[in-house]
Amino acid sequence: MAKERVLITGGAAGIGAACAERCKADGYDVIVIDRVGDGLIADLSDPQATASALERALEGGPITRLVNNVGVVVPANAEDQSLDELERAWALNVRCSLQCMQALLPGMKAAGFGRIVNMSSRAALGKELRTAYSATKAALIGMTRVWALELGAFGVTANAIGPGPIRTELFDRANPPDAPRTRAIIDSVPVKRVGTPDDVAHAASYLLDARSGFVTGQVLYVCGGMTVGVAGV
């Protein structure tokens, strides 16, 4: 019996790689699209390159699970955030997610089953130096809610994950372990640690599961409690 297939964008490192490993452990056939690594190589900021990679991914048959993980952070003060940076963030954080969903949706509808997990961020609630990033991650939540309403009748669920501070290579470069700013971040987390990519992958695993069919249109914050008192109930 053929394994069920899952597509993960930006799955070569960090949270995406952890999701890929967890999906393999869960028994899925994992297809990764990224600009580096062992999967399908493509620049997902380019619509044509994205379309070509999706065609190659679908050559092996329908894909009924999708993790829209690829994204970019372009930190800047609000007055300094450039339009080019906003366009870059929009391309990877929003447009790519829509393009991937649309490519996989016919197969999901035909199967009467689908699971879509969009990787948003706690920053969608607001964060300094994140105009482009916060705006696009909030847009991803909005799309998630619309997809849940439109696709539920076809057996397709759509949910988002909002990671808080997660210890990836990028996080460690920006936040040295002994730096006061890093200590301040940890102190602001109720569970008194930053998260790991595996924490997020575990959440994605739950939302991708066939048994999670009554959960859709939701945002699961994997943030150690940082959104308590900030996110709406």
C-alpha atoms as a PDB file:
ATOM      1  CA  MET A   1       0.000   0.000   0.000  1.00  0.00           C
ATOM      2  CA  ALA A   2       1.392   3.375  -1.037  1.00  0.00           C
ATOM      3  CA  LYS A   3       2.244   5.806   1.730  1.00  0.00           C
ATOM      4  CA  GLU A   4       0.189   8.967   2.065  1.00  0.00           C
ATOM      5  CA  ARG A   5       2.132  11.961   0.825  1.00  0.00           C
ATOM      6  CA  VAL A   6       2.884  15.272   2.500  1.00  0.00           C
ATOM      7  CA  LEU A   7       4.502  18.349   0.949  1.00  0.00           C
ATOM      8  CA  ILE A   8       6.599  20.639   3.149  1.00  0.00           C
ATOM      9  CA  THR A   9       7.938  23.935   1.832  1.00  0.00           C
ATOM     10  CA  GLY A  10      11.175  25.215   3.338  1.00  0.00           C
ATOM     11  CA  GLY A  11      11.819  21.801   4.810  1.00  0.00           C
ATOM     12  CA  ALA A  12      15.606  21.729   4.576  1.00  0.00           C
ATOM     13  CA  ALA A  13      16.375  23.262   7.965  1.00  0.00           C
ATOM     14  CA  GLY A  14      14.924  24.470  11.242  1.00  0.00           C
ATOM     15  CA  ILE A  15      11.217  23.986  11.867  1.00  0.00           C
ATOM     16  CA  GLY A  16      10.646  22.659   8.359  1.00  0.00           C
ATOM     17  CA  ALA A  17      13.282  19.962   8.743  1.00  0.00           C
ATOM     18  CA  ALA A  18      11.833  18.939  12.102  1.00  0.00           C
ATOM     19  CA  CYS A  19       8.387  18.680  10.497  1.00  0.00           C
ATOM     20  CA  ALA A  20       9.848  16.554   7.700  1.00  0.00           C
ATOM     21  CA  GLU A  21      11.500  14.164  10.159  1.00  0.00           C
ATOM     22  CA  ARG A  22       8.344  13.902  12.258  1.00  0.00           C
ATOM     23  CA  CYS A  23       6.241  13.210   9.166  1.00  0.00           C
ATOM     24  CA  LYS A  24       8.623  10.444   8.127  1.00  0.00           C
ATOM     25  CA  ALA A  25       8.335   8.961  11.609  1.00  0.00           C
ATOM     26  CA  ASP A  26       4.555   9.177  11.292  1.00  0.00           C
ATOM     27  CA  GLY A  27       4.750   7.055   8.153  1.00  0.00           C
ATOM     28  CA  TYR A  28       4.230   9.635   5.422  1.00  0.00           C
ATOM     29  CA  ASP A  29       6.065   9.919   2.130  1.00  0.00           C
ATOM     30  CA  VAL A  30       7.637  13.372   2.522  1.00  0.00           C
ATOM     31  CA  ILE A  31       8.309  15.756  -0.360  1.00  0.00           C
ATOM     32  CA  VAL A  32      10.344  18.864   0.494  1.00  0.00           C
ATOM     33  CA  ILE A  33      10.705  21.955  -1.675  1.00  0.00           C
ATOM     34  CA  ASP A  34      13.494  24.328  -0.693  1.00  0.00           C
ATOM     35  CA  ARG A  35      16.335  26.233  -2.300  1.00  0.00           C
ATOM     36  CA  VAL A  36      18.872  23.869  -0.685  1.00  0.00           C
ATOM     37  CA  GLY A  37      18.946  20.305   0.585  1.00  0.00           C
ATOM     38  CA  ASP A  38      18.049  16.882  -0.761  1.00  0.00           C
ATOM     39  CA  GLY A  39      14.479  17.598  -1.862  1.00  0.00           C
ATOM     40  CA  LEU A  40      13.134  19.464  -4.865  1.00  0.00           C
ATOM     41  CA  ILE A  41      15.262  22.552  -5.357  1.00  0.00           C
ATOM     42  CA  ALA A  42      13.422  25.776  -6.168  1.00  0.00           C
ATOM     43  CA  ASP A  43      13.353  29.458  -5.309  1.00  0.00           C
ATOM     44  CA  LEU A  44       9.866  29.674  -3.844  1.00  0.00           C
ATOM     45  CA  SER A  45       9.952  33.471  -3.962  1.00  0.00           C
ATOM     46  CA  ASP A  46       9.522  33.101  -7.741  1.00  0.00           C
ATOM     47  CA  PRO A  47       6.022  32.083  -8.915  1.00  0.00           C
ATOM     48  CA  GLN A  48       7.274  30.274 -12.031  1.00  0.00           C
ATOM     49  CA  ALA A  49       9.905  28.318 -10.120  1.00  0.00           C
ATOM     50  CA  THR A  50       7.258  27.435  -7.550  1.00  0.00           C
ATOM     51  CA  ALA A  51       4.861  26.217 -10.239  1.00  0.00           C
ATOM     52  CA  SER A  52       7.567  24.066 -11.826  1.00  0.00           C
ATOM     53  CA  ALA A  53       8.494  22.499  -8.481  1.00  0.00           C
ATOM     54  CA  LEU A  54       4.854  21.775  -7.706  1.00  0.00           C
ATOM     55  CA  GLU A  55       4.425  20.051 -11.076  1.00  0.00           C
ATOM     56  CA  ARG A  56       7.401  17.831 -10.290  1.00  0.00           C
ATOM     57  CA  ALA A  57       6.079  17.082  -6.810  1.00  0.00           C
ATOM     58  CA  LEU A  58       2.721  16.017  -8.223  1.00  0.00           C
ATOM     59  CA  GLU A  59       4.221  13.719 -10.840  1.00  0.00           C
ATOM     60  CA  GLY A  60       4.133  10.963  -8.217  1.00  0.00           C
ATOM     61  CA  GLY A  61       0.404  11.394  -7.697  1.00  0.00           C
ATOM     62  CA  PRO A  62      -1.901  13.466  -5.499  1.00  0.00           C
ATOM     63  CA  ILE A  63      -0.613  14.987  -2.271  1.00  0.00           C
ATOM     64  CA  THR A  64      -3.260  15.299   0.425  1.00  0.00           C
ATOM     65  CA  ARG A  65      -1.227  16.949   3.181  1.00  0.00           C
ATOM     66  CA  LEU A  66       0.531  20.313   2.992  1.00  0.00           C
ATOM     67  CA  VAL A  67       2.745  22.222   5.416  1.00  0.00           C
ATOM     68  CA  ASN A  68       3.260  25.786   4.193  1.00  0.00           C
ATOM     69  CA  ASN A  69       6.395  26.434   6.202  1.00  0.00           C
ATOM     70  CA  VAL A  70       8.685  28.499   3.980  1.00  0.00           C
ATOM     71  CA  GLY A  71       9.053  32.104   5.049  1.00  0.00           C
ATOM     72  CA  VAL A  72      11.376  35.029   5.505  1.00  0.00           C
ATOM     73  CA  VAL A  73      11.977  37.583   8.254  1.00  0.00           C
ATOM     74  CA  VAL A  74      13.034  41.071   7.163  1.00  0.00           C
ATOM     75  CA  PRO A  75      13.548  43.054  10.407  1.00  0.00           C
ATOM     76  CA  ALA A  76      13.331  46.841  10.236  1.00  0.00           C
ATOM     77  CA  ASN A  77      11.828  49.826  11.985  1.00  0.00           C
ATOM     78  CA  ALA A  78       8.441  50.733  10.559  1.00  0.00           C
ATOM     79  CA  GLU A  79       9.831  53.923   9.016  1.00  0.00           C
ATOM     80  CA  ASP A  80      12.678  51.995   7.373  1.00  0.00           C
ATOM     81  CA  GLN A  81      10.838  48.909   6.086  1.00  0.00           C
ATOM     82  CA  SER A  82      11.295  49.013   2.326  1.00  0.00           C
ATOM     83  CA  LEU A  83       8.676  48.125  -0.246  1.00  0.00           C
ATOM     84  CA  ASP A  84      11.081  45.576  -1.711  1.00  0.00           C
ATOM     85  CA  GLU A  85      11.280  43.859   1.686  1.00  0.00           C
ATOM     86  CA  LEU A  86       7.504  43.868   1.957  1.00  0.00           C
ATOM     87  CA  GLU A  87       7.186  42.325  -1.512  1.00  0.00           C
ATOM     88  CA  ARG A  88       9.757  39.654  -0.642  1.00  0.00           C
ATOM     89  CA  ALA A  89       7.946  38.766   2.579  1.00  0.00           C
ATOM     90  CA  TRP A  90       4.602  38.669   0.784  1.00  0.00           C
ATOM     91  CA  ALA A  91       5.960  36.367  -1.923  1.00  0.00           C
ATOM     92  CA  LEU A  92       7.298  33.733   0.455  1.00  0.00           C
ATOM     93  CA  ASN A  93       4.959  34.055   3.427  1.00  0.00           C
ATOM     94  CA  VAL A  94       1.649  34.453   1.586  1.00  0.00           C
ATOM     95  CA  ARG A  95       1.685  34.025  -2.192  1.00  0.00           C
ATOM     96  CA  CYS A  96       3.635  30.758  -2.068  1.00  0.00           C
ATOM     97  CA  SER A  97       1.167  29.307   0.438  1.00  0.00           C
ATOM     98  CA  LEU A  98      -1.802  30.119  -1.771  1.00  0.00           C
ATOM     99  CA  GLN A  99      -0.043  28.742  -4.841  1.00  0.00           C
ATOM    100  CA  CYS A 100       0.786  25.455  -3.098  1.00  0.00           C
ATOM    101  CA  MET A 101      -2.742  25.028  -1.787  1.00  0.00           C
ATOM    102  CA  GLN A 102      -4.259  25.640  -5.210  1.00  0.00           C
ATOM    103  CA  ALA A 103      -1.924  23.124  -6.839  1.00  0.00           C
ATOM    104  CA  LEU A 104      -2.705  20.358  -4.335  1.00  0.00           C
ATOM    105  CA  LEU A 105      -6.404  21.059  -3.867  1.00  0.00           C
ATOM    106  CA  PRO A 106      -7.723  19.097  -6.883  1.00  0.00           C
ATOM    107  CA  GLY A 107      -6.149  15.920  -5.507  1.00  0.00           C
ATOM    108  CA  MET A 108      -7.516  16.617  -2.045  1.00  0.00           C
ATOM    109  CA  LYS A 109     -11.021  17.171  -3.398  1.00  0.00           C
ATOM    110  CA  ALA A 110     -10.835  13.985  -5.449  1.00  0.00           C
ATOM    111  CA  ALA A 111      -9.794  12.062  -2.332  1.00  0.00           C
ATOM    112  CA  GLY A 112     -12.408  13.741  -0.160  1.00  0.00           C
ATOM    113  CA  PHE A 113      -9.617  14.416   2.315  1.00  0.00           C
ATOM    114  CA  GLY A 114      -6.938  17.011   2.947  1.00  0.00           C
ATOM    115  CA  ARG A 115      -4.887  18.591   5.702  1.00  0.00           C
ATOM    116  CA  ILE A 116      -3.324  22.048   5.354  1.00  0.00           C
ATOM    117  CA  VAL A 117      -1.044  23.487   8.032  1.00  0.00           C
ATOM    118  CA  ASN A 118       0.145  27.070   7.591  1.00  0.00           C
ATOM    119  CA  MET A 119       3.147  28.187   9.621  1.00  0.00           C
ATOM    120  CA  SER A 120       2.251  31.614  10.939  1.00  0.00           C
ATOM    121  CA  SER A 121       3.902  33.233  13.969  1.00  0.00           C
ATOM    122  CA  ARG A 122       3.197  34.759  17.346  1.00  0.00           C
ATOM    123  CA  ALA A 123       4.465  37.927  15.658  1.00  0.00           C
ATOM    124  CA  ALA A 124       1.124  38.109  13.815  1.00  0.00           C
ATOM    125  CA  LEU A 125      -0.185  39.609  17.068  1.00  0.00           C
ATOM    126  CA  GLY A 126       2.399  42.403  16.812  1.00  0.00           C
ATOM    127  CA  LYS A 127       6.130  42.619  17.373  1.00  0.00           C
ATOM    128  CA  GLU A 128       8.658  45.423  17.163  1.00  0.00           C
ATOM    129  CA  LEU A 129      10.817  45.583  14.019  1.00  0.00           C
ATOM    130  CA  ARG A 130       8.460  43.221  12.164  1.00  0.00           C
ATOM    131  CA  THR A 131       6.157  45.339   9.975  1.00  0.00           C
ATOM    132  CA  ALA A 132       6.458  43.132   6.882  1.00  0.00           C
ATOM    133  CA  TYR A 133       6.774  39.869   8.782  1.00  0.00           C
ATOM    134  CA  SER A 134       3.870  40.485  11.168  1.00  0.00           C
ATOM    135  CA  ALA A 135       1.622  41.711   8.368  1.00  0.00           C
ATOM    136  CA  THR A 136       2.256  38.686   6.170  1.00  0.00           C
ATOM    137  CA  LYS A 137       1.953  36.182   8.996  1.00  0.00           C
ATOM    138  CA  ALA A 138      -1.358  37.794   9.991  1.00  0.00           C
ATOM    139  CA  ALA A 139      -2.464  37.516   6.354  1.00  0.00           C
ATOM    140  CA  LEU A 140      -1.645  33.814   6.480  1.00  0.00           C
ATOM    141  CA  ILE A 141      -3.996  33.419   9.444  1.00  0.00           C
ATOM    142  CA  GLY A 142      -6.721  35.222   7.526  1.00  0.00           C
ATOM    143  CA  MET A 143      -6.280  32.894   4.563  1.00  0.00           C
ATOM    144  CA  THR A 144      -6.356  29.888   6.868  1.00  0.00           C
ATOM    145  CA  ARG A 145      -9.752  30.906   8.212  1.00  0.00           C
ATOM    146  CA  VAL A 146     -11.185  31.454   4.740  1.00  0.00           C
ATOM    147  CA  TRP A 147      -9.865  28.091   3.520  1.00  0.00           C
ATOM    148  CA  ALA A 148     -11.424  26.372   6.521  1.00  0.00           C
ATOM    149  CA  LEU A 149     -14.821  27.818   5.611  1.00  0.00           C
ATOM    150  CA  GLU A 150     -14.555  27.067   1.904  1.00  0.00           C
ATOM    151  CA  LEU A 151     -12.911  23.641   1.971  1.00  0.00           C
ATOM    152  CA  GLY A 152     -14.474  21.910   4.948  1.00  0.00           C
ATOM    153  CA  ALA A 153     -17.282  20.416   2.850  1.00  0.00           C
ATOM    154  CA  PHE A 154     -14.639  18.577   0.798  1.00  0.00           C
ATOM    155  CA  GLY A 155     -13.046  16.925   3.840  1.00  0.00           C
ATOM    156  CA  VAL A 156     -10.158  19.410   3.832  1.00  0.00           C
ATOM    157  CA  THR A 157      -9.088  21.154   7.034  1.00  0.00           C
ATOM    158  CA  ALA A 158      -6.893  24.244   7.261  1.00  0.00           C
ATOM    159  CA  ASN A 159      -5.157  25.340  10.441  1.00  0.00           C
ATOM    160  CA  ALA A 160      -2.258  27.571  11.397  1.00  0.00           C
ATOM    161  CA  ILE A 161       0.550  27.252  13.909  1.00  0.00           C
ATOM    162  CA  GLY A 162       1.922  30.336  15.627  1.00  0.00           C
ATOM    163  CA  PRO A 163       5.386  29.554  16.977  1.00  0.00           C
ATOM    164  CA  GLY A 164       6.896  31.766  19.637  1.00  0.00           C
ATOM    165  CA  PRO A 165      10.692  31.927  20.102  1.00  0.00           C
ATOM    166  CA  ILE A 166      12.097  28.673  18.715  1.00  0.00           C
ATOM    167  CA  ARG A 167      15.733  27.655  19.096  1.00  0.00           C
ATOM    168  CA  THR A 168      16.919  27.319  15.520  1.00  0.00           C
ATOM    169  CA  GLU A 169      20.313  28.165  14.061  1.00  0.00           C
ATOM    170  CA  LEU A 170      18.892  31.531  12.991  1.00  0.00           C
ATOM    171  CA  PHE A 171      17.598  32.228  16.514  1.00  0.00           C
ATOM    172  CA  ASP A 172      20.937  31.350  18.098  1.00  0.00           C
ATOM    173  CA  ARG A 173      22.831  33.622  15.710  1.00  0.00           C
ATOM    174  CA  ALA A 174      20.553  36.529  16.556  1.00  0.00           C
ATOM    175  CA  ASN A 175      20.355  35.701  20.260  1.00  0.00           C
ATOM    176  CA  PRO A 176      23.655  34.455  21.763  1.00  0.00           C
ATOM    177  CA  PRO A 177      22.934  32.172  24.748  1.00  0.00           C
ATOM    178  CA  ASP A 178      24.676  34.431  27.300  1.00  0.00           C
ATOM    179  CA  ALA A 179      23.332  37.747  25.996  1.00  0.00           C
ATOM    180  CA  PRO A 180      21.044  39.800  28.282  1.00  0.00           C
ATOM    181  CA  ARG A 181      18.466  40.100  25.475  1.00  0.00           C
ATOM    182  CA  THR A 182      18.330  36.304  25.196  1.00  0.00           C
ATOM    183  CA  ARG A 183      17.836  36.020  28.957  1.00  0.00           C
ATOM    184  CA  ALA A 184      15.034  38.574  28.730  1.00  0.00           C
ATOM    185  CA  ILE A 185      13.296  36.515  26.043  1.00  0.00           C
ATOM    186  CA  ILE A 186      13.495  33.367  28.148  1.00  0.00           C
ATOM    187  CA  ASP A 187      12.275  35.197  31.239  1.00  0.00           C
ATOM    188  CA  SER A 188       9.220  36.409  29.295  1.00  0.00           C
ATOM    189  CA  VAL A 189       8.154  32.832  28.493  1.00  0.00           C
ATOM    190  CA  PRO A 190       5.938  31.300  31.203  1.00  0.00           C
ATOM    191  CA  VAL A 191       7.574  27.865  30.830  1.00  0.00           C
ATOM    192  CA  LYS A 192      10.998  29.568  31.139  1.00  0.00           C
ATOM    193  CA  ARG A 193      12.614  28.212  27.998  1.00  0.00           C
ATOM    194  CA  VAL A 194      12.563  28.818  24.290  1.00  0.00           C
ATOM    195  CA  GLY A 195      10.916  26.217  22.119  1.00  0.00           C
ATOM    196  CA  THR A 196      12.516  23.649  19.863  1.00  0.00           C
ATOM    197  CA  PRO A 197      11.689  22.775  16.261  1.00  0.00           C
ATOM    198  CA  ASP A 198      10.402  19.440  17.571  1.00  0.00           C
ATOM    199  CA  ASP A 199       7.822  21.290  19.694  1.00  0.00           C
ATOM    200  CA  VAL A 200       6.381  22.798  16.515  1.00  0.00           C
ATOM    201  CA  ALA A 201       6.665  19.561  14.555  1.00  0.00           C
ATOM    202  CA  HIS A 202       4.616  17.793  17.228  1.00  0.00           C
ATOM    203  CA  ALA A 203       1.837  20.352  16.788  1.00  0.00           C
ATOM    204  CA  ALA A 204       1.972  19.958  13.011  1.00  0.00           C
ATOM    205  CA  SER A 205       1.762  16.176  13.386  1.00  0.00           C
ATOM    206  CA  TYR A 206      -1.484  16.518  15.315  1.00  0.00           C
ATOM    207  CA  LEU A 207      -3.071  18.833  12.762  1.00  0.00           C
ATOM    208  CA  LEU A 208      -2.004  16.618   9.851  1.00  0.00           C
ATOM    209  CA  ASP A 209      -3.505  13.497  11.409  1.00  0.00           C
ATOM    210  CA  ALA A 210      -6.611  11.997   9.816  1.00  0.00           C
ATOM    211  CA  ARG A 211      -8.189  11.961  13.281  1.00  0.00           C
ATOM    212  CA  SER A 212      -8.060  15.763  13.533  1.00  0.00           C
ATOM    213  CA  GLY A 213     -10.898  16.288  11.086  1.00  0.00           C
ATOM    214  CA  PHE A 214     -13.073  18.283  13.501  1.00  0.00           C
ATOM    215  CA  VAL A 215     -10.383  20.930  14.018  1.00  0.00           C
ATOM    216  CA  THR A 216     -10.210  23.587  11.318  1.00  0.00           C
ATOM    217  CA  GLY A 217      -9.732  27.335  11.002  1.00  0.00           C
ATOM    218  CA  GLN A 218      -7.732  27.452  14.236  1.00  0.00           C
ATOM    219  CA  VAL A 219      -4.408  28.967  15.269  1.00  0.00           C
ATOM    220  CA  LEU A 220      -2.364  26.779  17.616  1.00  0.00           C
ATOM    221  CA  TYR A 221       0.211  28.963  19.370  1.00  0.00           C
ATOM    222  CA  VAL A 222       3.324  26.969  20.249  1.00  0.00           C
ATOM    223  CA  CYS A 223       4.845  29.683  22.385  1.00  0.00           C
ATOM    224  CA  GLY A 224       5.315  28.432  25.944  1.00  0.00           C
ATOM    225  CA  GLY A 225       2.382  30.560  27.073  1.00  0.00           C
ATOM    226  CA  MET A 226       3.596  33.923  25.729  1.00  0.00           C
ATOM    227  CA  THR A 227       0.291  34.664  23.994  1.00  0.00           C
ATOM    228  CA  VAL A 228      -1.809  34.224  27.132  1.00  0.00           C
ATOM    229  CA  GLY A 229      -3.570  37.544  27.691  1.00  0.00           C
ATOM    230  CA  VAL A 230      -2.677  38.696  24.170  1.00  0.00           C
ATOM    231  CA  ALA A 231      -4.385  36.344  21.723  1.00  0.00           C
ATOM    232  CA  GLY A 232      -8.171  36.278  21.584  1.00  0.00           C
ATOM    233  CA  VAL A 233      -9.960  33.380  23.242  1.00  0.00           C
END
